[in-house]
Amino acid sequence: MLAIIGGSGLTQLANFDVIRREVVRTPYGEPSGALMFGIIGDCPVVFLARHGYGHTIPPHLVNYRANMWALKQAKVEQVVSVASVGGIRADLGPGVLVVPDQIIDYTSGRKTTYFEGGEDPVRHIDFTRPYDANLRGRLLAAAAGAAIDVVDGAVYATTQGPRLETAAEVNRLERAGADVVGMTAMPEAALARELEMAYAAINVVANFAAGRGNSAEAICFDSIEAVLHAAMQRVRGILATLCEQ
């Protein structure tokens, strides 16, 4: 079973025939919203809006543990995350689609694991490659099949939010090797790994990060909305092709 987690700009899918809607209770509280079960073509899909269907949950308050637990209980094996990011690298400007391959985590105060001690033995996960190679390959193949350009590989810096970064912070992220910056990859990716679900992502560059390109002096939120609206049409095309594989 494939799950798609929609971020900013993606609260519905193209050609998604909803069969049922299920409110899931978890030991970690309530997910961001009901799970939407349906099909795209002949492919069964579960959809979840990360920030809620009304986009009311900021990134630092998303109940990532409940979200991923609910997907696991729904027998999901593969998770594709869709999220908007700011472009740090010069060639990653507004509207570019990226399939990232690495993460740097700068978040704090989030519930980051299911392993909380007690009577359970200590457990560790290997996180050398935070995104699943096979699922990444399928996303890249789907993009090629849909004749949609994507960038293969980028380092995603995850910041706490909900505020955007300062120009000096973005300079630091660049020195650390980050190519894009967003607020939701962690702990989502690590929780998927703990639950043994393959995880990969499509990132939409919504704007240049602070101090870069046309965001040199300030970030224009009106422009972000327009970029996301146009880019999400291409994302939906990739996801539809992925489901046809």
Protein backbone atom coordinates (compact mmCIF):
# COMPACT_ATOMS: atom_id res chain seq x y z
CA MET A 1 0.00 0.00 0.00
CA LEU A 2 1.23 3.46 -0.94
CA ALA A 3 0.61 6.54 1.18
CA ILE A 4 0.96 10.13 0.03
CA ILE A 5 1.42 12.83 2.64
CA GLY A 6 0.43 16.19 1.22
CA GLY A 7 2.11 19.33 2.50
CA SER A 8 1.55 23.01 1.73
CA GLY A 9 -0.30 23.31 -1.56
CA LEU A 10 -1.39 19.67 -1.80
CA THR A 11 -4.58 18.78 0.03
CA GLN A 12 -6.06 16.71 -2.79
CA LEU A 13 -4.83 14.41 -5.54
CA ALA A 14 -5.62 14.19 -9.23
CA ASN A 15 -7.73 11.23 -10.40
CA PHE A 16 -8.08 10.07 -6.79
CA ASP A 17 -11.33 8.15 -6.31
CA VAL A 18 -12.03 8.18 -2.58
CA ILE A 19 -13.54 4.95 -1.30
CA ARG A 20 -13.69 5.71 2.39
CA ARG A 21 -12.54 8.14 5.04
CA GLU A 22 -11.27 6.83 8.36
CA VAL A 23 -10.53 8.65 11.61
CA VAL A 24 -7.71 6.72 13.28
CA ARG A 25 -6.91 6.76 16.99
CA THR A 26 -3.32 6.08 18.01
CA PRO A 27 -1.38 5.72 21.28
CA TYR A 28 0.27 9.02 20.34
CA GLY A 29 -2.85 11.12 19.95
CA GLU A 30 -4.74 12.19 16.86
CA PRO A 31 -3.22 12.40 13.38
CA SER A 32 -3.45 15.60 11.36
CA GLY A 33 -6.72 14.42 9.88
CA ALA A 34 -8.69 11.46 8.65
CA LEU A 35 -7.00 8.98 6.34
CA MET A 36 -8.51 9.04 2.86
CA PHE A 37 -8.52 5.57 1.26
CA GLY A 38 -8.98 5.36 -2.48
CA ILE A 39 -7.48 4.44 -5.82
CA ILE A 40 -5.57 6.21 -8.56
CA GLY A 41 -6.12 4.07 -11.63
CA ASP A 42 -5.81 0.57 -10.21
CA CYS A 43 -3.42 1.58 -7.44
CA PRO A 44 -4.70 1.64 -3.85
CA VAL A 45 -3.59 4.84 -2.12
CA VAL A 46 -3.94 6.38 1.33
CA PHE A 47 -3.80 10.17 1.49
CA LEU A 48 -3.12 12.33 4.54
CA ALA A 49 -2.85 16.13 4.69
CA ARG A 50 0.14 16.83 6.96
CA HIS A 51 -1.11 20.25 8.08
CA GLY A 52 -4.77 19.22 8.25
CA TYR A 53 -7.30 19.53 5.46
CA GLY A 54 -7.80 23.20 6.32
CA HIS A 55 -4.03 23.78 6.56
CA THR A 56 -4.29 24.79 10.22
CA ILE A 57 -1.43 22.83 11.84
CA PRO A 58 2.00 24.54 11.75
CA PRO A 59 5.04 22.34 11.13
CA HIS A 60 6.32 22.37 14.71
CA LEU A 61 2.91 21.19 16.00
CA VAL A 62 2.28 18.37 13.52
CA ASN A 63 1.78 15.11 15.41
CA TYR A 64 4.31 13.21 13.32
CA ARG A 65 4.23 10.12 15.52
CA ALA A 66 0.45 9.80 15.25
CA ASN A 67 0.54 10.39 11.50
CA MET A 68 3.10 7.71 10.78
CA TRP A 69 1.59 5.26 13.26
CA ALA A 70 -1.82 5.66 11.62
CA LEU A 71 -0.32 4.92 8.20
CA LYS A 72 1.43 1.84 9.54
CA GLN A 73 -1.84 0.61 11.06
CA ALA A 74 -3.41 1.07 7.63
CA LYS A 75 -0.83 -1.43 6.30
CA VAL A 76 1.08 1.20 4.36
CA GLU A 77 4.49 0.00 3.16
CA GLN A 78 5.63 3.01 1.12
CA VAL A 79 5.27 6.71 1.91
CA VAL A 80 5.78 9.60 -0.50
CA SER A 81 6.04 12.99 1.16
CA VAL A 82 5.20 16.16 -0.75
CA ALA A 83 6.55 19.35 0.80
CA SER A 84 7.47 22.88 -0.16
CA VAL A 85 11.00 24.14 0.47
CA GLY A 86 13.18 27.19 0.02
CA GLY A 87 16.01 26.96 -2.48
CA ILE A 88 19.52 27.58 -1.16
CA ARG A 89 21.51 26.35 -4.15
CA ALA A 90 21.55 28.83 -7.04
CA ASP A 91 19.98 26.42 -9.55
CA LEU A 92 17.10 25.52 -7.23
CA GLY A 93 14.79 28.44 -7.85
CA PRO A 94 11.01 28.81 -7.53
CA GLY A 95 9.06 26.07 -9.29
CA VAL A 96 11.87 23.51 -9.43
CA LEU A 97 10.95 19.99 -8.29
CA VAL A 98 13.51 18.07 -6.24
CA VAL A 99 13.77 14.44 -5.11
CA PRO A 100 16.10 14.84 -2.10
CA ASP A 101 18.53 12.20 -0.93
CA GLN A 102 19.87 13.55 2.37
CA ILE A 103 18.69 15.38 5.50
CA ILE A 104 20.25 17.61 8.14
CA ASP A 105 18.05 18.00 11.23
CA TYR A 106 17.96 21.36 13.01
CA THR A 107 14.63 20.86 14.79
CA SER A 108 14.16 20.86 18.54
CA GLY A 109 11.47 19.88 21.00
CA ARG A 110 9.63 17.52 18.65
CA LYS A 111 8.69 13.96 19.54
CA THR A 112 11.27 12.22 17.38
CA THR A 113 11.01 8.50 18.17
CA TYR A 114 8.79 5.63 19.25
CA PHE A 115 11.63 4.20 21.34
CA GLU A 116 11.15 5.71 24.78
CA GLY A 117 12.86 3.24 27.07
CA GLY A 118 10.90 1.67 29.89
CA GLU A 119 10.92 -2.10 29.72
CA ASP A 120 11.71 -2.20 26.02
CA PRO A 121 15.35 -2.80 25.01
CA VAL A 122 17.30 0.08 23.50
CA ARG A 123 16.90 0.17 19.71
CA HIS A 124 18.76 2.09 17.04
CA ILE A 125 18.02 2.54 13.34
CA ASP A 126 20.52 2.96 10.53
CA PHE A 127 19.84 6.36 8.98
CA THR A 128 22.82 6.69 6.66
CA ARG A 129 20.46 7.06 3.70
CA PRO A 130 17.29 8.64 5.10
CA TYR A 131 15.34 8.28 1.86
CA ASP A 132 14.61 4.83 0.46
CA ALA A 133 16.69 4.25 -2.68
CA ASN A 134 14.12 2.06 -4.43
CA LEU A 135 11.23 4.46 -3.87
CA ARG A 136 13.38 7.41 -4.90
CA GLY A 137 14.18 5.55 -8.10
CA ARG A 138 10.51 4.96 -8.78
CA LEU A 139 9.76 8.67 -8.30
CA LEU A 140 12.52 9.62 -10.71
CA ALA A 141 11.26 7.06 -13.24
CA ALA A 142 7.71 8.38 -12.85
CA ALA A 143 8.89 11.93 -13.49
CA ALA A 144 10.74 10.78 -16.61
CA GLY A 145 7.69 8.84 -17.75
CA ALA A 146 5.51 11.92 -17.33
CA ALA A 147 8.13 14.11 -19.09
CA ILE A 148 8.42 16.32 -16.01
CA ASP A 149 11.80 17.69 -15.01
CA VAL A 150 13.05 16.98 -11.49
CA VAL A 151 16.40 17.41 -9.78
CA ASP A 152 17.86 14.10 -8.62
CA GLY A 153 19.37 14.57 -5.17
CA ALA A 154 19.61 17.41 -2.66
CA VAL A 155 20.37 17.89 1.01
CA TYR A 156 17.26 18.98 2.90
CA ALA A 157 17.89 21.08 6.03
CA THR A 158 14.95 20.76 8.42
CA THR A 159 14.38 23.83 10.59
CA GLN A 160 11.94 24.26 13.45
CA GLY A 161 9.57 26.87 12.04
CA PRO A 162 7.03 28.24 11.78
CA ARG A 163 9.05 31.37 11.04
CA LEU A 164 11.28 31.38 8.00
CA GLU A 165 15.04 31.63 8.37
CA THR A 166 17.27 34.68 8.54
CA ALA A 167 19.74 35.34 5.74
CA ALA A 168 22.59 34.54 8.14
CA GLU A 169 21.00 31.23 9.07
CA VAL A 170 20.70 30.31 5.40
CA ASN A 171 24.39 31.16 4.94
CA ARG A 172 25.17 28.74 7.75
CA LEU A 173 22.98 26.04 6.20
CA GLU A 174 24.79 26.44 2.90
CA ARG A 175 28.17 26.06 4.60
CA ALA A 176 26.86 22.87 6.20
CA GLY A 177 26.05 21.47 2.76
CA ALA A 178 22.29 22.08 2.57
CA ASP A 179 20.68 22.65 -0.83
CA VAL A 180 17.09 23.31 0.28
CA VAL A 181 15.44 24.22 3.57
CA GLY A 182 12.06 23.12 4.90
CA MET A 183 10.32 22.29 8.15
CA THR A 184 8.76 18.83 7.91
CA ALA A 185 11.23 16.14 6.82
CA MET A 186 12.14 15.42 10.42
CA PRO A 187 11.11 13.53 12.38
CA GLU A 188 8.81 12.19 9.66
CA ALA A 189 11.54 10.35 7.76
CA ALA A 190 13.06 8.81 10.89
CA LEU A 191 9.69 7.65 12.21
CA ALA A 192 8.98 5.96 8.88
CA ARG A 193 12.30 4.14 9.19
CA GLU A 194 11.49 3.04 12.75
CA LEU A 195 8.20 1.60 11.49
CA GLU A 196 9.95 -0.06 8.52
CA MET A 197 8.08 1.92 5.88
CA ALA A 198 9.96 3.02 2.76
CA TYR A 199 10.03 6.81 2.60
CA ALA A 200 10.86 9.26 -0.19
CA ALA A 201 9.90 12.81 -1.06
CA ILE A 202 9.10 15.29 -3.79
CA ASN A 203 10.00 18.83 -2.78
CA VAL A 204 8.60 21.89 -4.53
CA VAL A 205 10.90 24.90 -4.36
CA ALA A 206 8.38 27.59 -3.48
CA ASN A 207 10.89 30.44 -3.14
CA PHE A 208 14.55 31.21 -2.84
CA ALA A 209 15.64 30.96 0.78
CA ALA A 210 16.26 34.17 2.72
CA GLY A 211 19.04 36.29 1.28
CA ARG A 212 19.05 34.39 -2.03
CA GLY A 213 17.82 35.40 -5.49
CA ASN A 214 14.59 37.37 -5.43
CA SER A 215 14.41 36.76 -1.66
CA ALA A 216 17.55 38.84 -1.07
CA GLU A 217 15.66 41.52 0.87
CA ALA A 218 12.40 39.80 1.80
CA ILE A 219 10.29 36.78 0.87
CA CYS A 220 7.10 37.47 -1.09
CA PHE A 221 4.33 35.21 0.17
CA ASP A 222 1.98 36.09 -2.69
CA SER A 223 4.57 34.72 -5.12
CA ILE A 224 4.85 31.52 -3.09
CA GLU A 225 1.14 30.80 -3.48
CA ALA A 226 1.33 31.24 -7.24
CA VAL A 227 4.41 29.03 -7.55
CA LEU A 228 2.87 26.25 -5.46
CA HIS A 229 -0.37 26.31 -7.43
CA ALA A 230 1.45 25.81 -10.73
CA ALA A 231 4.04 23.34 -9.46
CA MET A 232 1.56 21.06 -7.73
CA GLN A 233 -0.02 20.28 -11.09
CA ARG A 234 3.30 18.71 -12.11
CA VAL A 235 3.59 16.91 -8.77
CA ARG A 236 0.15 15.40 -9.30
CA GLY A 237 1.28 14.22 -12.73
CA ILE A 238 4.30 12.47 -11.24
CA LEU A 239 2.20 10.82 -8.55
CA ALA A 240 -0.36 9.61 -11.09
CA THR A 241 2.43 8.09 -13.20
CA LEU A 242 3.98 6.52 -10.09
CA CYS A 243 0.70 4.75 -9.44
CA GLU A 244 0.69 3.37 -12.98
CA GLN A 245 4.09 1.67 -12.59
